[in-house]
Amino acid sequence: MSLSSTGLVTTAHEKIQKELNSLMQVLEEVQAHIPEGAYLRGMNALVALYKQKHTAFESIRSGAMMSNWTTLDDILQEDIELYYEIADVADRIVAELCGRNASIYNDNFVRLGDEQYIFGRLADYKPEEGNAGYETSPMVLHHAIQVIMKRLFNDTYYELVDVRPVSCLCGWRGPHRNWERHIDNMRHQRWLNTENRNRQVAYSAYEANLDQSRQFVSQILSNARRENGMVYIKEIDILSLSPPQGETAFKVALEEAITEFRNLTGEHVVFVSDETGELSWFA
């Protein structure tokens, strides 16, 4: 069987289907004028013809055409009409999966974010009566999906690398493909060195605040009232002794001291309000 014979098979399939549809329409039109038994026999005959058509074309798809399998590149060089048929099937499948306004001939025919979903549907595509895959041969369907997959991959890659911009904390913004070149750029390196110096200065200040905060916390706990395994700390003492800067460091120092008391002496720290004497929270 020649490559172009797949087109003949598709044409024959379409003609037979057209005649079967005509018979169905005739039966529907005369239903009211013929005995019910005659109508049912006609419908049963149509169902049988549908099944026979399906069996016959399935046999062609799984037999003769499989023995003439040809690569897409060879088809493009040797049978341009068959290549156009593959492209047409691919276009109809795209319309099925992505919406009737989508086309294989359009850029980015898949909506942004739906790429993985469409990849999955293509991988699991099953020829069923009425869809584009059912009306062609396995080879044409395979190559049609191959064409769609390649286009979808290229469009997705182009979107990620060339179109979708990325940004850097240094203020640069540009295509993803330029990222490697950007991070080696002198402007970015100067910004990075400045950020590292700022972080070192901030960390040194934090360490100094933490040491000072540990001294304040030690002073608070040494003056606290102790009864029955409880250490009572007035909130007003914390407010008066905590440093105006480095509040995070002071909180860390306080939590360290509370944990140490609980682990080493078994005492629990209790915070009380200076005005009412009521417990505010336990540690």
Protein backbone atom coordinates (compact mmCIF):
# COMPACT_ATOMS: atom_id res chain seq x y z
CA MET A 1 0.00 0.00 0.00
CA SER A 2 1.48 3.39 -1.00
CA LEU A 3 1.76 6.35 1.33
CA SER A 4 -1.03 8.22 -0.42
CA SER A 5 -3.38 5.27 0.09
CA THR A 6 -4.08 6.50 3.62
CA GLY A 7 -5.79 9.48 2.05
CA LEU A 8 -7.93 7.17 -0.08
CA VAL A 9 -8.94 5.17 2.99
CA THR A 10 -9.92 8.35 4.81
CA THR A 11 -11.98 9.49 1.82
CA ALA A 12 -13.75 6.11 1.63
CA HIS A 13 -14.48 6.25 5.34
CA GLU A 14 -16.00 9.71 5.02
CA LYS A 15 -18.16 8.70 2.04
CA ILE A 16 -19.50 5.60 3.78
CA GLN A 17 -20.22 7.59 6.91
CA LYS A 18 -22.05 10.21 4.87
CA GLU A 19 -24.31 7.57 3.26
CA LEU A 20 -25.04 5.96 6.63
CA ASN A 21 -26.02 9.35 8.01
CA SER A 22 -28.35 9.84 5.03
CA LEU A 23 -30.03 6.49 5.72
CA MET A 24 -30.47 7.45 9.35
CA GLN A 25 -32.08 10.73 8.33
CA VAL A 26 -34.46 8.96 5.92
CA LEU A 27 -35.56 6.51 8.60
CA GLU A 28 -36.25 9.37 10.99
CA GLU A 29 -38.31 11.18 8.35
CA VAL A 30 -40.50 8.18 7.47
CA GLN A 31 -40.84 6.79 10.98
CA ALA A 32 -44.35 8.13 11.39
CA HIS A 33 -45.49 6.60 8.04
CA ILE A 34 -44.19 3.03 8.33
CA PRO A 35 -44.91 0.18 10.75
CA GLU A 36 -42.87 0.24 13.95
CA GLY A 37 -41.41 -3.16 13.12
CA ALA A 38 -40.08 -1.91 9.79
CA TYR A 39 -38.52 1.10 11.48
CA LEU A 40 -36.80 -1.09 14.08
CA ARG A 41 -35.47 -3.48 11.42
CA GLY A 42 -34.05 -0.51 9.54
CA MET A 43 -32.36 0.85 12.67
CA ASN A 44 -30.92 -2.57 13.49
CA ALA A 45 -29.53 -2.82 9.98
CA LEU A 46 -27.90 0.59 10.35
CA VAL A 47 -26.31 -0.42 13.65
CA ALA A 48 -24.93 -3.56 12.01
CA LEU A 49 -23.50 -1.50 9.14
CA TYR A 50 -21.86 0.90 11.61
CA LYS A 51 -20.21 -2.04 13.37
CA GLN A 52 -19.04 -3.61 10.10
CA LYS A 53 -17.58 -0.28 8.96
CA HIS A 54 -15.71 0.07 12.24
CA THR A 55 -14.36 -3.50 12.00
CA ALA A 56 -13.26 -3.06 8.38
CA PHE A 57 -11.38 0.20 8.94
CA GLU A 58 -9.89 -1.04 12.20
CA SER A 59 -8.50 -4.00 10.28
CA ILE A 60 -6.94 -1.65 7.74
CA ARG A 61 -5.42 0.48 10.47
CA SER A 62 -3.93 -2.45 12.38
CA GLY A 63 -2.83 -4.43 9.33
CA ALA A 64 -1.84 -3.09 5.94
CA MET A 65 -1.03 0.45 7.03
CA MET A 66 1.21 -0.72 9.84
CA SER A 67 3.39 -2.48 7.31
CA ASN A 68 3.99 0.83 5.51
CA TRP A 69 5.12 2.84 8.52
CA THR A 70 7.26 5.81 7.45
CA THR A 71 9.03 8.48 9.46
CA LEU A 72 7.76 12.04 9.45
CA ASP A 73 10.92 13.32 7.75
CA ASP A 74 10.58 10.75 4.95
CA ILE A 75 6.93 11.66 4.48
CA LEU A 76 7.85 15.33 4.19
CA GLN A 77 10.33 14.51 1.44
CA GLU A 78 8.38 11.80 -0.42
CA ASP A 79 4.66 12.49 -0.01
CA ILE A 80 3.76 16.12 0.68
CA GLU A 81 0.02 15.39 0.41
CA LEU A 82 0.28 12.88 3.23
CA TYR A 83 2.23 15.42 5.25
CA TYR A 84 -0.59 17.93 4.75
CA GLU A 85 -3.04 15.26 5.91
CA ILE A 86 -0.99 14.76 9.09
CA ALA A 87 -0.94 18.51 9.69
CA ASP A 88 -4.71 18.66 9.16
CA VAL A 89 -5.30 15.88 11.70
CA ALA A 90 -2.96 17.64 14.12
CA ASP A 91 -4.89 20.88 13.66
CA ARG A 92 -8.22 19.15 14.36
CA ILE A 93 -6.83 17.46 17.47
CA VAL A 94 -5.59 20.84 18.74
CA ALA A 95 -9.10 22.23 18.25
CA GLU A 96 -10.53 19.27 20.19
CA LEU A 97 -8.19 19.65 23.14
CA CYS A 98 -7.57 23.41 23.29
CA GLY A 99 -10.80 24.91 21.95
CA ARG A 100 -12.20 25.33 18.48
CA ASN A 101 -10.40 28.65 17.96
CA ALA A 102 -7.02 27.04 18.66
CA SER A 103 -4.86 25.98 15.72
CA ILE A 104 -1.52 24.25 15.20
CA TYR A 105 -0.68 27.15 12.88
CA ASN A 106 -0.98 29.76 15.64
CA ASP A 107 1.76 30.73 18.08
CA ASN A 108 1.17 29.59 21.67
CA PHE A 109 -2.01 27.67 20.81
CA VAL A 110 -2.10 26.41 24.43
CA ARG A 111 -3.06 28.89 27.12
CA LEU A 112 -0.30 29.76 29.56
CA GLY A 113 -0.44 27.35 32.49
CA ASP A 114 -2.26 24.58 30.60
CA GLU A 115 0.87 23.05 29.05
CA GLN A 116 1.15 20.11 31.44
CA TYR A 117 -2.58 19.36 31.17
CA ILE A 118 -2.45 19.28 27.35
CA PHE A 119 0.73 17.18 27.40
CA GLY A 120 -1.15 14.64 29.50
CA ARG A 121 -4.17 14.57 27.22
CA LEU A 122 -1.95 14.10 24.18
CA ALA A 123 -0.07 11.25 25.85
CA ASP A 124 -3.39 9.52 26.66
CA TYR A 125 -5.15 10.42 23.40
CA LYS A 126 -7.49 7.61 22.34
CA PRO A 127 -9.15 7.34 18.92
CA GLU A 128 -12.89 7.32 19.48
CA GLU A 129 -15.71 7.58 17.00
CA GLY A 130 -16.27 11.21 16.12
CA ASN A 131 -12.82 12.55 16.96
CA ALA A 132 -9.98 13.29 14.56
CA GLY A 133 -7.90 10.33 15.66
CA TYR A 134 -10.63 7.82 14.88
CA GLU A 135 -10.94 8.92 11.26
CA THR A 136 -7.33 8.28 10.26
CA SER A 137 -4.64 5.60 10.36
CA PRO A 138 -2.38 4.84 13.35
CA MET A 139 0.64 6.19 11.50
CA VAL A 140 -1.03 9.49 10.64
CA LEU A 141 -2.37 9.83 14.20
CA HIS A 142 1.06 9.08 15.67
CA HIS A 143 2.77 11.67 13.51
CA ALA A 144 0.00 14.22 14.14
CA ILE A 145 0.51 13.92 17.90
CA GLN A 146 4.26 14.03 17.29
CA VAL A 147 3.86 17.35 15.46
CA ILE A 148 1.71 18.79 18.28
CA MET A 149 4.10 17.61 20.99
CA LYS A 150 7.07 19.17 19.22
CA ARG A 151 5.28 22.47 18.70
CA LEU A 152 4.06 22.54 22.29
CA PHE A 153 7.53 21.80 23.64
CA ASN A 154 9.14 24.49 21.48
CA ASP A 155 6.50 27.07 22.41
CA THR A 156 6.84 26.26 26.13
CA TYR A 157 10.63 26.42 26.00
CA TYR A 158 10.54 29.72 24.10
CA GLU A 159 8.08 31.14 26.62
CA LEU A 160 10.26 30.19 29.57
CA VAL A 161 13.66 31.10 28.13
CA ASP A 162 13.03 34.00 25.75
CA VAL A 163 9.72 35.63 26.62
CA ARG A 164 8.98 35.32 30.32
CA PRO A 165 11.18 37.91 32.12
CA VAL A 166 13.02 37.31 35.37
CA SER A 167 14.19 39.86 37.90
CA CYS A 168 17.06 40.16 40.36
CA LEU A 169 17.15 41.84 43.76
CA CYS A 170 19.83 44.15 42.39
CA GLY A 171 17.21 45.73 40.14
CA TRP A 172 18.01 43.97 36.86
CA ARG A 173 15.11 42.55 34.82
CA GLY A 174 15.37 40.70 31.53
CA PRO A 175 14.87 37.45 29.59
CA HIS A 176 15.64 34.21 31.39
CA ARG A 177 18.21 33.32 28.74
CA ASN A 178 20.37 36.26 29.92
CA TRP A 179 20.41 35.25 33.59
CA GLU A 180 23.78 33.47 33.54
CA ARG A 181 25.38 36.44 31.82
CA HIS A 182 23.75 38.84 34.28
CA ILE A 183 25.08 37.23 37.46
CA ASP A 184 28.62 37.51 36.06
CA ASN A 185 28.07 41.18 35.26
CA MET A 186 30.22 43.70 37.18
CA ARG A 187 27.16 45.70 38.26
CA HIS A 188 25.59 42.62 39.86
CA GLN A 189 28.89 41.64 41.52
CA ARG A 190 29.25 45.10 43.10
CA TRP A 191 25.70 44.87 44.45
CA LEU A 192 26.40 41.38 45.80
CA ASN A 193 29.57 42.52 47.59
CA THR A 194 27.68 45.44 49.15
CA GLU A 195 24.90 43.10 50.33
CA ASN A 196 27.46 40.75 51.91
CA ARG A 197 29.10 43.63 53.76
CA ASN A 198 25.74 44.90 55.00
CA ARG A 199 24.83 41.43 56.23
CA GLN A 200 28.14 41.13 58.08
CA VAL A 201 27.61 44.53 59.74
CA ALA A 202 24.04 43.61 60.69
CA TYR A 203 25.16 40.28 62.12
CA SER A 204 27.91 41.93 64.17
CA ALA A 205 25.37 44.40 65.56
CA TYR A 206 23.01 41.54 66.38
CA GLU A 207 25.77 39.64 68.21
CA ALA A 208 26.57 42.76 70.26
CA ASN A 209 22.88 43.27 71.08
CA LEU A 210 22.54 39.60 72.02
CA ASP A 211 25.44 39.81 74.50
CA GLN A 212 23.97 42.97 76.04
CA SER A 213 20.51 41.40 76.18
CA ARG A 214 21.84 38.32 78.00
CA GLN A 215 23.28 40.60 80.68
CA PHE A 216 19.92 42.41 81.07
CA VAL A 217 18.01 39.13 81.32
CA SER A 218 20.46 37.78 83.89
CA GLN A 219 19.92 40.93 85.97
CA ILE A 220 16.13 40.58 85.75
CA LEU A 221 16.15 36.93 86.80
CA SER A 222 18.58 37.51 89.67
CA ASN A 223 16.19 40.11 91.16
CA ALA A 224 13.01 38.07 90.54
CA ARG A 225 10.86 36.64 93.34
CA ARG A 226 10.95 32.85 93.74
CA GLU A 227 8.25 30.74 95.43
CA ASN A 228 7.38 27.05 95.15
CA GLY A 229 9.40 26.39 92.01
CA MET A 230 8.12 29.56 90.30
CA VAL A 231 10.12 32.56 89.23
CA TYR A 232 7.93 35.69 89.06
CA ILE A 233 9.00 38.44 86.68
CA LYS A 234 7.23 41.78 86.44
CA GLU A 235 6.53 42.94 82.92
CA ILE A 236 7.51 46.48 83.91
CA ASP A 237 11.02 45.23 84.68
CA ILE A 238 11.35 43.81 81.19
CA LEU A 239 10.17 47.06 79.63
CA SER A 240 12.58 49.14 81.73
CA LEU A 241 15.66 46.99 81.20
CA SER A 242 15.22 45.77 77.62
CA PRO A 243 17.45 47.71 75.21
CA PRO A 244 15.73 50.18 72.86
CA GLN A 245 17.54 48.56 69.94
CA GLY A 246 17.84 44.87 69.20
CA GLU A 247 14.40 43.72 70.38
CA THR A 248 14.84 40.44 68.51
CA ALA A 249 18.11 39.76 70.30
CA PHE A 250 16.48 40.51 73.68
CA LYS A 251 13.65 38.07 72.96
CA VAL A 252 16.17 35.37 72.01
CA ALA A 253 18.14 35.97 75.21
CA LEU A 254 14.97 35.82 77.33
CA GLU A 255 13.85 32.54 75.74
CA GLU A 256 17.33 31.06 76.28
CA ALA A 257 17.23 31.97 79.99
CA ILE A 258 13.71 30.58 80.48
CA THR A 259 14.69 27.29 78.84
CA GLU A 260 17.83 27.08 80.97
CA PHE A 261 15.86 27.62 84.17
CA ARG A 262 13.38 24.93 83.26
CA ASN A 263 16.04 22.38 82.26
CA LEU A 264 18.62 23.00 85.03
CA THR A 265 16.59 23.98 88.13
CA GLY A 266 13.11 22.78 87.21
CA GLU A 267 11.75 26.26 87.90
CA HIS A 268 9.07 27.80 85.68
CA VAL A 269 9.11 31.47 84.81
CA VAL A 270 5.83 33.36 85.28
CA PHE A 271 5.19 36.86 83.99
CA VAL A 272 2.87 39.09 86.02
CA SER A 273 1.32 42.47 85.44
CA ASP A 274 2.77 45.11 87.74
CA GLU A 275 -0.54 46.97 88.09
CA THR A 276 -2.91 44.13 89.03
CA GLY A 277 -0.55 41.37 90.09
CA GLU A 278 -2.43 38.94 87.86
CA LEU A 279 -0.58 36.32 85.86
CA SER A 280 -0.28 37.32 82.22
CA TRP A 281 1.39 34.25 80.74
CA PHE A 282 3.43 31.25 81.75
CA ALA A 283 6.75 30.01 80.33
